[in-house]
Amino acid sequence: MFSNDSPFLNIPQALDARQALYIDGLRHAAQIADLAYRRLCSGLTEHVFSYCRNETPNEYTYLYLDAWAFIDATDRFRSLWKMQPGTKSMPAQYAPAKVQEKLEGIRQLRNVSAHIAQKIDQIVSLKSSVLGSLSWVTAVSHTPLVVKTCFIRPGVMPATVSDQLAMPAGRVDFVNESGWITMNAGKHKVVLSEAYTVLIELVNYAEQALSAAFSHPTFEKKRPADMLGMAELDTGGHDY
């Protein structure tokens, strides 16, 4: 997600620990959200192509792992974004209040998953799935353009199912051939693809702002980051 010269990967030594950790928090949240979303798109696309090959997919767990990881990380990014100082000088579209408005649906989804035990009666009354249902579109051919619209509802089925196929209401940005991914959980329905677009816009703005701020000679020296430690254990010559 970030190039080697990104300010998120080159935090100045001169910043105090609180500032450095704040930027680090934004970085990690954005990276996790980006990885989860791209993997989710790839997984959904593979499911569609498997079905087109008359192979019936029987495992959806990893798709929901990525979907909820994206929701959780994007909500963490949102909560960190609103903590930053000097927001009055920001362009209006990046102001914390506007970002809160754009990502309110993500926050609501996050609350559903965080309080699933308290919301179980609501989920039952809505005939929803515990994990929520996913809908999306996948481009299976570019020339001519052929697009499949799909949904997944995991778990036990009620007598009637109200889940719907994805019907894009705007521009579809395909990532790994899938887009307009929507999560319907509890009483909340959110287009994850729109939230991903918001996240990318915020990251791009933050990179530009941080690059300008870190251009001063005071910030030339960078903090080291990302360490992997490793050692070999003495196993006494035993076999595994």
Protein backbone atom coordinates (compact mmCIF):
# COMPACT_ATOMS: atom_id res chain seq x y z
CA MET A 1 0.00 0.00 0.00
CA PHE A 2 2.85 2.38 0.86
CA SER A 3 5.97 2.99 -1.20
CA ASN A 4 9.35 2.80 0.54
CA ASP A 5 9.60 6.59 0.65
CA SER A 6 6.13 7.08 2.17
CA PRO A 7 6.15 9.34 5.25
CA PHE A 8 4.18 6.62 7.03
CA LEU A 9 7.27 4.39 6.74
CA ASN A 10 9.76 7.19 7.45
CA ILE A 11 8.63 8.83 10.67
CA PRO A 12 11.13 11.50 11.82
CA GLN A 13 13.18 10.95 14.94
CA ALA A 14 12.30 14.50 16.03
CA LEU A 15 8.62 13.67 16.54
CA ASP A 16 7.65 12.86 20.10
CA ALA A 17 6.53 9.34 20.98
CA ARG A 18 2.83 10.22 21.01
CA GLN A 19 2.93 11.73 17.52
CA ALA A 20 4.94 8.81 16.16
CA LEU A 21 2.57 6.22 17.62
CA TYR A 22 -0.43 8.10 16.26
CA ILE A 23 0.96 8.02 12.71
CA ASP A 24 1.96 4.39 13.21
CA GLY A 25 -1.59 3.58 14.28
CA LEU A 26 -3.02 5.13 11.11
CA ARG A 27 -0.48 3.23 9.04
CA HIS A 28 -1.25 -0.18 10.55
CA ALA A 29 -5.02 0.32 10.36
CA ALA A 30 -4.79 1.38 6.71
CA GLN A 31 -2.49 -1.51 5.77
CA ILE A 32 -4.73 -4.12 7.42
CA ALA A 33 -7.85 -2.64 5.82
CA ASP A 34 -6.22 -2.53 2.38
CA LEU A 35 -4.92 -6.10 2.59
CA ALA A 36 -8.26 -7.42 3.87
CA TYR A 37 -10.26 -5.64 1.17
CA ARG A 38 -8.04 -6.77 -1.69
CA ARG A 39 -8.04 -10.34 -0.41
CA LEU A 40 -11.81 -10.21 -0.03
CA CYS A 41 -12.16 -9.09 -3.66
CA SER A 42 -9.90 -11.91 -4.83
CA GLY A 43 -11.82 -14.47 -2.78
CA LEU A 44 -15.20 -13.34 -4.06
CA THR A 45 -13.93 -13.40 -7.64
CA GLU A 46 -12.58 -16.92 -7.21
CA HIS A 47 -15.95 -18.06 -5.84
CA VAL A 48 -17.71 -16.70 -8.91
CA PHE A 49 -15.29 -18.35 -11.34
CA SER A 50 -15.52 -21.62 -9.40
CA TYR A 51 -19.29 -21.53 -9.72
CA CYS A 52 -18.96 -20.79 -13.44
CA ARG A 53 -16.84 -23.97 -13.69
CA ASN A 54 -19.72 -25.88 -12.07
CA GLU A 55 -17.76 -26.19 -8.85
CA THR A 56 -19.93 -25.51 -5.81
CA PRO A 57 -18.04 -23.51 -3.16
CA ASN A 58 -18.66 -24.84 0.34
CA GLU A 59 -16.43 -22.62 2.45
CA TYR A 60 -17.08 -18.94 3.14
CA THR A 61 -15.22 -18.47 6.43
CA TYR A 62 -12.15 -16.79 4.97
CA LEU A 63 -14.33 -14.29 3.09
CA TYR A 64 -15.95 -13.20 6.33
CA LEU A 65 -12.58 -13.10 8.05
CA ASP A 66 -11.44 -10.52 5.49
CA ALA A 67 -14.76 -8.63 5.42
CA TRP A 68 -14.85 -8.15 9.18
CA ALA A 69 -11.11 -7.45 9.33
CA PHE A 70 -11.67 -4.64 6.83
CA ILE A 71 -14.58 -3.26 8.86
CA ASP A 72 -12.62 -3.41 12.12
CA ALA A 73 -9.45 -1.81 10.69
CA THR A 74 -11.37 0.93 8.85
CA ASP A 75 -13.25 1.79 12.03
CA ARG A 76 -9.94 1.95 13.91
CA PHE A 77 -8.60 4.31 11.24
CA ARG A 78 -11.74 6.46 11.64
CA SER A 79 -11.35 6.65 15.41
CA LEU A 80 -7.69 7.67 15.10
CA TRP A 81 -8.40 10.21 12.35
CA LYS A 82 -10.71 12.22 14.59
CA MET A 83 -7.98 12.53 17.26
CA GLN A 84 -5.59 14.64 15.20
CA PRO A 85 -4.96 18.30 16.05
CA GLY A 86 -5.08 21.23 13.64
CA THR A 87 -8.18 20.03 11.82
CA LYS A 88 -9.48 23.56 11.16
CA SER A 89 -6.92 24.00 8.37
CA MET A 90 -8.00 20.78 6.62
CA PRO A 91 -10.00 20.75 3.38
CA ALA A 92 -13.63 20.15 4.31
CA GLN A 93 -13.81 16.67 2.78
CA TYR A 94 -11.04 15.41 5.10
CA ALA A 95 -12.27 17.03 8.31
CA PRO A 96 -12.97 14.50 11.09
CA ALA A 97 -16.67 15.38 11.22
CA LYS A 98 -17.04 14.70 7.48
CA VAL A 99 -15.04 11.48 7.72
CA GLN A 100 -17.21 10.42 10.65
CA GLU A 101 -20.27 11.01 8.49
CA LYS A 102 -18.85 9.03 5.55
CA LEU A 103 -17.79 6.09 7.73
CA GLU A 104 -20.73 6.07 10.14
CA GLY A 105 -22.03 2.88 8.55
CA ILE A 106 -18.71 1.16 9.23
CA ARG A 107 -18.93 2.19 12.88
CA GLN A 108 -22.45 0.76 13.10
CA LEU A 109 -21.36 -2.54 11.55
CA ARG A 110 -18.44 -2.69 13.97
CA ASN A 111 -20.84 -2.24 16.88
CA VAL A 112 -22.99 -5.12 15.63
CA SER A 113 -20.03 -7.51 15.67
CA ALA A 114 -18.71 -6.19 18.99
CA HIS A 115 -22.06 -6.65 20.75
CA ILE A 116 -23.38 -9.74 19.00
CA ALA A 117 -24.64 -11.32 22.25
CA GLN A 118 -26.73 -8.26 23.11
CA LYS A 119 -28.11 -8.00 19.57
CA ILE A 120 -29.02 -11.66 19.05
CA ASP A 121 -32.76 -11.05 19.51
CA GLN A 122 -32.64 -8.25 16.93
CA ILE A 123 -30.81 -10.53 14.48
CA VAL A 124 -33.43 -13.25 14.98
CA SER A 125 -36.33 -10.83 14.47
CA LEU A 126 -34.74 -9.52 11.27
CA LYS A 127 -34.13 -13.09 10.03
CA SER A 128 -30.52 -12.12 9.49
CA SER A 129 -27.34 -14.17 9.60
CA VAL A 130 -25.02 -13.98 12.60
CA LEU A 131 -22.11 -13.10 10.31
CA GLY A 132 -24.19 -10.86 8.06
CA SER A 133 -24.71 -11.33 4.33
CA LEU A 134 -22.40 -10.17 1.56
CA SER A 135 -23.42 -9.04 -1.92
CA TRP A 136 -21.16 -7.95 -4.76
CA VAL A 137 -20.56 -7.89 -8.52
CA THR A 138 -17.77 -9.61 -10.45
CA ALA A 139 -16.62 -8.96 -14.01
CA VAL A 140 -16.22 -12.41 -15.58
CA SER A 141 -15.45 -11.03 -19.05
CA HIS A 142 -14.14 -7.69 -20.29
CA THR A 143 -14.91 -8.07 -24.01
CA PRO A 144 -17.82 -8.33 -24.18
CA LEU A 145 -18.47 -7.06 -20.67
CA VAL A 146 -20.17 -9.73 -18.58
CA VAL A 147 -20.88 -9.01 -14.92
CA LYS A 148 -22.32 -11.41 -12.37
CA THR A 149 -24.24 -10.12 -9.34
CA CYS A 150 -24.12 -12.35 -6.29
CA PHE A 151 -24.82 -12.70 -2.59
CA ILE A 152 -23.74 -15.02 0.20
CA ARG A 153 -25.83 -15.72 3.26
CA PRO A 154 -23.94 -18.05 5.63
CA GLY A 155 -25.44 -20.27 8.29
CA VAL A 156 -28.93 -21.67 8.82
CA MET A 157 -31.74 -20.49 6.57
CA PRO A 158 -35.07 -19.14 7.82
CA ALA A 159 -38.33 -20.08 6.09
CA THR A 160 -37.96 -17.01 3.87
CA VAL A 161 -34.74 -15.27 2.81
CA SER A 162 -34.78 -11.54 2.12
CA ASP A 163 -31.13 -11.11 1.10
CA GLN A 164 -30.69 -9.41 -2.26
CA LEU A 165 -28.28 -9.49 -5.16
CA ALA A 166 -26.00 -6.48 -5.56
CA MET A 167 -27.48 -3.68 -7.65
CA PRO A 168 -24.84 -0.94 -8.02
CA ALA A 169 -26.22 2.57 -7.59
CA GLY A 170 -23.12 4.32 -8.90
CA ARG A 171 -19.65 3.83 -10.34
CA VAL A 172 -18.14 0.40 -9.66
CA ASP A 173 -14.41 0.36 -8.98
CA PHE A 174 -13.35 -3.22 -9.64
CA VAL A 175 -10.48 -4.53 -7.52
CA ASN A 176 -9.26 -7.98 -8.57
CA GLU A 177 -12.40 -8.13 -10.78
CA SER A 178 -14.94 -7.59 -7.97
CA GLY A 179 -16.62 -4.48 -6.59
CA TRP A 180 -19.68 -2.90 -4.99
CA ILE A 181 -19.22 -5.23 -2.02
CA THR A 182 -21.99 -4.70 0.50
CA MET A 183 -22.33 -6.05 4.05
CA ASN A 184 -25.81 -6.41 5.52
CA ALA A 185 -25.61 -7.13 9.26
CA GLY A 186 -28.29 -6.54 11.86
CA LYS A 187 -30.28 -3.56 10.62
CA HIS A 188 -27.32 -1.96 8.86
CA LYS A 189 -26.39 -2.22 5.18
CA VAL A 190 -23.10 -0.66 4.10
CA VAL A 191 -21.23 -0.61 0.78
CA LEU A 192 -17.73 -1.64 1.86
CA SER A 193 -16.35 -0.61 -1.52
CA GLU A 194 -17.37 3.01 -0.89
CA ALA A 195 -15.70 2.92 2.52
CA TYR A 196 -12.54 1.57 0.86
CA THR A 197 -12.55 4.51 -1.57
CA VAL A 198 -12.86 6.93 1.36
CA LEU A 199 -9.97 5.21 3.13
CA ILE A 200 -7.69 5.45 0.08
CA GLU A 201 -8.53 9.14 -0.36
CA LEU A 202 -7.69 9.83 3.29
CA VAL A 203 -4.41 7.94 3.08
CA ASN A 204 -3.39 9.83 -0.08
CA TYR A 205 -4.21 13.17 1.55
CA ALA A 206 -2.33 12.22 4.73
CA GLU A 207 0.74 11.18 2.74
CA GLN A 208 0.82 14.52 0.93
CA ALA A 209 0.35 16.48 4.15
CA LEU A 210 2.97 14.50 6.06
CA SER A 211 5.48 14.70 3.19
CA ALA A 212 5.17 18.49 3.23
CA ALA A 213 5.47 18.63 7.03
CA PHE A 214 8.50 16.31 7.11
CA SER A 215 10.42 18.20 4.39
CA HIS A 216 12.07 20.49 6.98
CA PRO A 217 15.73 19.65 7.74
CA THR A 218 14.76 19.12 11.39
CA PHE A 219 12.97 15.95 10.31
CA GLU A 220 15.77 14.51 8.17
CA LYS A 221 16.71 11.72 10.59
CA LYS A 222 14.14 8.91 10.58
CA ARG A 223 13.04 6.49 13.27
CA PRO A 224 13.85 2.82 12.68
CA ALA A 225 10.77 0.66 12.22
CA ASP A 226 9.58 -2.92 11.76
CA MET A 227 11.79 -5.49 13.47
CA LEU A 228 11.78 -9.27 13.18
CA GLY A 229 13.54 -11.18 15.95
CA MET A 230 14.58 -14.81 15.60
CA ALA A 231 16.63 -17.39 17.50
CA GLU A 232 16.97 -21.17 17.43
CA LEU A 233 15.74 -23.14 20.44
CA ASP A 234 17.74 -25.99 21.89
CA THR A 235 15.53 -29.05 21.35
CA GLY A 236 17.98 -31.49 22.89
CA GLY A 237 18.26 -33.47 19.68
CA HIS A 238 14.65 -34.72 19.86
CA ASP A 239 12.63 -35.43 16.73
CA TYR A 240 9.33 -33.66 16.02
